[in-house]
Amino acid sequence: MIETRPINSNDLDLVCRHRISMFCDDGRRKASELETMDRSFRAWLKPRLVDGTYFGFIVEDDGKPIAGIGLMELSWPPHPLHQDDGRRGYVLNMFVERSHRKRGIAKLLLDLADQEFSQRKLKYAILHSTSAGRPVYEAAGWQPTSEMAKVIE
């Protein structure tokens, strides 16, 4: 039976495992290459799970976690797309186990994210998508933006 629950501070290992799997599934990295990121991410995530600044949902099938989505509220200057609010919602670490894909679970998680952001009166949200995730997000009403990125060395 599929059930959802809020992420809690006991989900540190699960969120980290999903994050590594997300990057590996996209073909960008091997798990062994992500060890440094995982250590740094764990240290970053742990206090945010405790204080609730990283929130979201876990989907379980008969009590076994099979999917999750992370959410945050970011401080961001007002912008033409959110003119009267200095905040943005942020979606990250969306992951569904291969065995449970194409069953509407990603849509369920995105609907829960919309509801949570709405409850927090966040009117604008962003995310960064893998190539595999892009069609899922677009089907849920997300649109590409003009964002660019650069790694500073």
C-alpha atoms as a PDB file:
ATOM      1  CA  MET A   1       0.000   0.000   0.000  1.00  0.00           C
ATOM      2  CA  ILE A   2       1.379   3.406  -1.031  1.00  0.00           C
ATOM      3  CA  GLU A   3       1.512   6.034   1.728  1.00  0.00           C
ATOM      4  CA  THR A   4       3.221   9.392   2.086  1.00  0.00           C
ATOM      5  CA  ARG A   5       4.737  10.996   5.145  1.00  0.00           C
ATOM      6  CA  PRO A   6       6.761  14.104   5.899  1.00  0.00           C
ATOM      7  CA  ILE A   7      10.547  13.861   5.861  1.00  0.00           C
ATOM      8  CA  ASN A   8      12.006  13.785   9.356  1.00  0.00           C
ATOM      9  CA  SER A   9      15.444  13.920  10.972  1.00  0.00           C
ATOM     10  CA  ASN A  10      15.723  10.110  10.846  1.00  0.00           C
ATOM     11  CA  ASP A  11      15.744  10.229   7.024  1.00  0.00           C
ATOM     12  CA  LEU A  12      19.338  11.466   6.640  1.00  0.00           C
ATOM     13  CA  ASP A  13      20.676   8.198   5.169  1.00  0.00           C
ATOM     14  CA  LEU A  14      17.644   7.753   2.921  1.00  0.00           C
ATOM     15  CA  VAL A  15      17.822  11.266   1.449  1.00  0.00           C
ATOM     16  CA  CYS A  16      21.564  10.861   0.873  1.00  0.00           C
ATOM     17  CA  ARG A  17      21.061   7.475  -0.826  1.00  0.00           C
ATOM     18  CA  HIS A  18      18.344   8.938  -3.064  1.00  0.00           C
ATOM     19  CA  ARG A  19      20.594  11.884  -3.966  1.00  0.00           C
ATOM     20  CA  ILE A  20      23.467   9.643  -5.037  1.00  0.00           C
ATOM     21  CA  SER A  21      21.084   7.383  -6.975  1.00  0.00           C
ATOM     22  CA  MET A  22      19.576  10.427  -8.705  1.00  0.00           C
ATOM     23  CA  PHE A  23      22.995  11.544  -9.981  1.00  0.00           C
ATOM     24  CA  CYS A  24      23.995   8.001 -10.979  1.00  0.00           C
ATOM     25  CA  ASP A  25      20.720   7.340 -12.805  1.00  0.00           C
ATOM     26  CA  ASP A  26      21.255  10.473 -14.865  1.00  0.00           C
ATOM     27  CA  GLY A  27      24.535   8.971 -16.067  1.00  0.00           C
ATOM     28  CA  ARG A  28      26.582  11.940 -14.944  1.00  0.00           C
ATOM     29  CA  ARG A  29      28.512  10.219 -12.193  1.00  0.00           C
ATOM     30  CA  LYS A  30      29.395   6.872 -10.674  1.00  0.00           C
ATOM     31  CA  ALA A  31      28.601   6.291  -7.003  1.00  0.00           C
ATOM     32  CA  SER A  32      32.310   6.067  -6.200  1.00  0.00           C
ATOM     33  CA  GLU A  33      32.832   9.567  -7.615  1.00  0.00           C
ATOM     34  CA  LEU A  34      30.203  11.047  -5.337  1.00  0.00           C
ATOM     35  CA  GLU A  35      31.778  10.149  -1.984  1.00  0.00           C
ATOM     36  CA  THR A  36      33.109  13.639  -1.287  1.00  0.00           C
ATOM     37  CA  MET A  37      29.793  15.233  -2.218  1.00  0.00           C
ATOM     38  CA  ASP A  38      27.977  12.762   0.023  1.00  0.00           C
ATOM     39  CA  ARG A  39      30.121  13.575   3.067  1.00  0.00           C
ATOM     40  CA  SER A  40      29.681  17.311   2.525  1.00  0.00           C
ATOM     41  CA  PHE A  41      25.967  16.968   1.779  1.00  0.00           C
ATOM     42  CA  ARG A  42      25.372  14.913   4.945  1.00  0.00           C
ATOM     43  CA  ALA A  43      27.055  17.577   7.066  1.00  0.00           C
ATOM     44  CA  TRP A  44      24.957  20.256   5.325  1.00  0.00           C
ATOM     45  CA  LEU A  45      21.673  18.324   5.506  1.00  0.00           C
ATOM     46  CA  LYS A  46      21.723  17.046   9.087  1.00  0.00           C
ATOM     47  CA  PRO A  47      21.048  20.365  10.874  1.00  0.00           C
ATOM     48  CA  ARG A  48      18.475  21.357   8.237  1.00  0.00           C
ATOM     49  CA  LEU A  49      16.508  18.158   8.827  1.00  0.00           C
ATOM     50  CA  VAL A  50      16.589  18.854  12.565  1.00  0.00           C
ATOM     51  CA  ASP A  51      15.489  22.498  12.319  1.00  0.00           C
ATOM     52  CA  GLY A  52      12.981  21.887   9.506  1.00  0.00           C
ATOM     53  CA  THR A  53      14.544  24.202   6.928  1.00  0.00           C
ATOM     54  CA  TYR A  54      14.833  21.140   4.682  1.00  0.00           C
ATOM     55  CA  PHE A  55      11.414  19.549   4.489  1.00  0.00           C
ATOM     56  CA  GLY A  56       9.505  17.368   2.070  1.00  0.00           C
ATOM     57  CA  PHE A  57       7.913  13.989   1.694  1.00  0.00           C
ATOM     58  CA  ILE A  58       8.749  10.294   1.538  1.00  0.00           C
ATOM     59  CA  VAL A  59       6.585   7.769  -0.278  1.00  0.00           C
ATOM     60  CA  GLU A  60       6.497   4.262   1.157  1.00  0.00           C
ATOM     61  CA  ASP A  61       5.163   1.022  -0.295  1.00  0.00           C
ATOM     62  CA  ASP A  62       4.167  -1.321   2.529  1.00  0.00           C
ATOM     63  CA  GLY A  63       6.442   0.621   4.870  1.00  0.00           C
ATOM     64  CA  LYS A  64       9.469   0.542   2.556  1.00  0.00           C
ATOM     65  CA  PRO A  65      10.667   3.972   1.286  1.00  0.00           C
ATOM     66  CA  ILE A  66      10.518   4.086  -2.504  1.00  0.00           C
ATOM     67  CA  ALA A  67      10.542   7.816  -3.335  1.00  0.00           C
ATOM     68  CA  GLY A  68      11.143  11.241  -1.922  1.00  0.00           C
ATOM     69  CA  ILE A  69      11.237  14.953  -2.579  1.00  0.00           C
ATOM     70  CA  GLY A  70      13.133  17.649  -0.721  1.00  0.00           C
ATOM     71  CA  LEU A  71      11.859  21.199  -0.371  1.00  0.00           C
ATOM     72  CA  MET A  72      13.293  24.439   0.920  1.00  0.00           C
ATOM     73  CA  GLU A  73      12.319  28.059   1.263  1.00  0.00           C
ATOM     74  CA  LEU A  74      15.054  30.293  -0.161  1.00  0.00           C
ATOM     75  CA  SER A  75      15.609  33.936   0.601  1.00  0.00           C
ATOM     76  CA  TRP A  76      15.641  35.630  -2.796  1.00  0.00           C
ATOM     77  CA  PRO A  77      15.208  39.241  -3.825  1.00  0.00           C
ATOM     78  CA  PRO A  78      11.828  40.192  -5.251  1.00  0.00           C
ATOM     79  CA  HIS A  79      11.747  39.512  -8.967  1.00  0.00           C
ATOM     80  CA  PRO A  80       9.315  40.193 -11.837  1.00  0.00           C
ATOM     81  CA  LEU A  81       7.932  36.667 -11.304  1.00  0.00           C
ATOM     82  CA  HIS A  82       7.449  37.177  -7.543  1.00  0.00           C
ATOM     83  CA  GLN A  83       7.301  40.946  -7.206  1.00  0.00           C
ATOM     84  CA  ASP A  84       6.076  41.234  -3.629  1.00  0.00           C
ATOM     85  CA  ASP A  85       7.900  38.317  -2.014  1.00  0.00           C
ATOM     86  CA  GLY A  86      11.577  37.925  -1.107  1.00  0.00           C
ATOM     87  CA  ARG A  87      11.353  34.134  -1.114  1.00  0.00           C
ATOM     88  CA  ARG A  88      11.288  31.216  -3.514  1.00  0.00           C
ATOM     89  CA  GLY A  89      10.411  27.604  -3.044  1.00  0.00           C
ATOM     90  CA  TYR A  90      13.095  25.148  -4.089  1.00  0.00           C
ATOM     91  CA  VAL A  91      12.627  21.509  -5.071  1.00  0.00           C
ATOM     92  CA  LEU A  92      15.598  19.173  -4.791  1.00  0.00           C
ATOM     93  CA  ASN A  93      16.484  15.510  -4.468  1.00  0.00           C
ATOM     94  CA  MET A  94      13.367  14.220  -6.201  1.00  0.00           C
ATOM     95  CA  PHE A  95      13.837  10.493  -6.644  1.00  0.00           C
ATOM     96  CA  VAL A  96      11.674   7.441  -7.359  1.00  0.00           C
ATOM     97  CA  GLU A  97      13.145   3.929  -7.199  1.00  0.00           C
ATOM     98  CA  ARG A  98      13.308   2.275 -10.644  1.00  0.00           C
ATOM     99  CA  SER A  99      10.886  -0.438  -9.535  1.00  0.00           C
ATOM    100  CA  HIS A 100       8.185   2.182  -8.897  1.00  0.00           C
ATOM    101  CA  ARG A 101       8.628   4.585 -11.821  1.00  0.00           C
ATOM    102  CA  LYS A 102       5.881   5.366 -14.334  1.00  0.00           C
ATOM    103  CA  ARG A 103       3.181   4.892 -11.680  1.00  0.00           C
ATOM    104  CA  GLY A 104       2.373   8.542 -10.966  1.00  0.00           C
ATOM    105  CA  ILE A 105       4.528   8.764  -7.836  1.00  0.00           C
ATOM    106  CA  ALA A 106       6.586  11.685  -9.155  1.00  0.00           C
ATOM    107  CA  LYS A 107       3.371  13.564  -9.942  1.00  0.00           C
ATOM    108  CA  LEU A 108       2.102  12.804  -6.444  1.00  0.00           C
ATOM    109  CA  LEU A 109       5.300  14.243  -4.944  1.00  0.00           C
ATOM    110  CA  LEU A 110       5.106  17.357  -7.106  1.00  0.00           C
ATOM    111  CA  ASP A 111       1.464  17.865  -6.100  1.00  0.00           C
ATOM    112  CA  LEU A 112       2.472  17.584  -2.444  1.00  0.00           C
ATOM    113  CA  ALA A 113       5.250  20.127  -3.056  1.00  0.00           C
ATOM    114  CA  ASP A 114       2.734  22.537  -4.622  1.00  0.00           C
ATOM    115  CA  GLN A 115       0.424  22.123  -1.632  1.00  0.00           C
ATOM    116  CA  GLU A 116       3.257  22.663   0.859  1.00  0.00           C
ATOM    117  CA  PHE A 117       4.521  25.754  -0.935  1.00  0.00           C
ATOM    118  CA  SER A 118       0.985  27.105  -1.140  1.00  0.00           C
ATOM    119  CA  GLN A 119       0.463  26.495   2.572  1.00  0.00           C
ATOM    120  CA  ARG A 120       3.663  28.469   3.236  1.00  0.00           C
ATOM    121  CA  LYS A 121       2.380  31.208   0.899  1.00  0.00           C
ATOM    122  CA  LEU A 122       5.239  30.695  -1.548  1.00  0.00           C
ATOM    123  CA  LYS A 123       4.049  31.726  -5.004  1.00  0.00           C
ATOM    124  CA  TYR A 124       7.141  30.889  -7.048  1.00  0.00           C
ATOM    125  CA  ALA A 125       9.386  27.834  -7.032  1.00  0.00           C
ATOM    126  CA  ILE A 126      12.473  26.649  -8.871  1.00  0.00           C
ATOM    127  CA  LEU A 127      14.314  23.385  -9.406  1.00  0.00           C
ATOM    128  CA  HIS A 128      17.209  21.956 -11.337  1.00  0.00           C
ATOM    129  CA  SER A 129      16.316  18.966 -13.466  1.00  0.00           C
ATOM    130  CA  THR A 130      18.124  15.948 -14.768  1.00  0.00           C
ATOM    131  CA  SER A 131      17.453  15.159 -18.410  1.00  0.00           C
ATOM    132  CA  ALA A 132      15.275  12.209 -17.366  1.00  0.00           C
ATOM    133  CA  GLY A 133      13.261  14.359 -14.975  1.00  0.00           C
ATOM    134  CA  ARG A 134      12.539  17.209 -17.378  1.00  0.00           C
ATOM    135  CA  PRO A 135       9.458  15.603 -19.048  1.00  0.00           C
ATOM    136  CA  VAL A 136       7.982  14.798 -15.623  1.00  0.00           C
ATOM    137  CA  TYR A 137       8.378  18.394 -14.464  1.00  0.00           C
ATOM    138  CA  GLU A 138       7.078  19.847 -17.721  1.00  0.00           C
ATOM    139  CA  ALA A 139       3.982  17.619 -17.504  1.00  0.00           C
ATOM    140  CA  ALA A 140       3.382  19.062 -14.022  1.00  0.00           C
ATOM    141  CA  GLY A 141       3.483  22.634 -15.343  1.00  0.00           C
ATOM    142  CA  TRP A 142       7.140  23.525 -14.738  1.00  0.00           C
ATOM    143  CA  GLN A 143       8.797  25.620 -17.439  1.00  0.00           C
ATOM    144  CA  PRO A 144      12.456  26.040 -18.417  1.00  0.00           C
ATOM    145  CA  THR A 145      14.050  29.351 -17.394  1.00  0.00           C
ATOM    146  CA  SER A 146      17.029  31.330 -18.569  1.00  0.00           C
ATOM    147  CA  GLU A 147      19.295  30.255 -15.695  1.00  0.00           C
ATOM    148  CA  MET A 148      22.943  29.644 -16.469  1.00  0.00           C
ATOM    149  CA  ALA A 149      25.720  28.259 -14.278  1.00  0.00           C
ATOM    150  CA  LYS A 150      29.475  28.456 -13.931  1.00  0.00           C
ATOM    151  CA  VAL A 151      31.922  26.587 -11.715  1.00  0.00           C
ATOM    152  CA  ILE A 152      34.430  29.033 -10.224  1.00  0.00           C
ATOM    153  CA  GLU A 153      37.868  27.566  -9.668  1.00  0.00           C
END
